[in-house]
């Protein structure tokens, strides 16, 4: 690993390896990530210490191996590489949580309650990510919310768990309506 480790912000939400549900742990789709000085969170191959392509299966690792790479030092956290074939989808809700109090905005809480699935707090502490099993097609983005179906970057928070949320990924069938909005049954 390179001796020049970029320094950047430290995740506000403490690392909680026990928070990752067994359902995600059973897939070898983990990567490590670290903050850059600009505050970005690119994935790294912990074996080489170099930035990597988050869509390259050759750099994916089991949860245990990625965790060992994280513990070896120089990384800010673990991420889970999404894939429509595997059926994992991440709903990323930004700016919906008060990092100081942990209070979640009512509109975001309604979405969390609707999905009843594994939910985690973003490393910044001001958003949440909901992981579900679904066939959602391509991703969708609206102000403050993004549905990630394919990894353009790994979900960098696959370790932080919002309190009182389920520890399994719920199965959902997503359909895109002709109006362009997404709906779940």
Foldseek 3Di string as FASTA:
>chain_A
DDPDQADDDAQLFDFAQVLQFPVQLVDQFKFFWAQHNVGDTFTDQLVVRGGDQSQDSVSGGHSVVRVVSVVVDRTRAMFGFAALVQQKKKKKFFQQADQVPRDGHPVVVVVQVVQLAWKFAASNSRIMMGIARENADQKDDDVRIIMHHGPNGTRGTSGGGRPPGDNHHYYWYWDQDPVRDIDTD
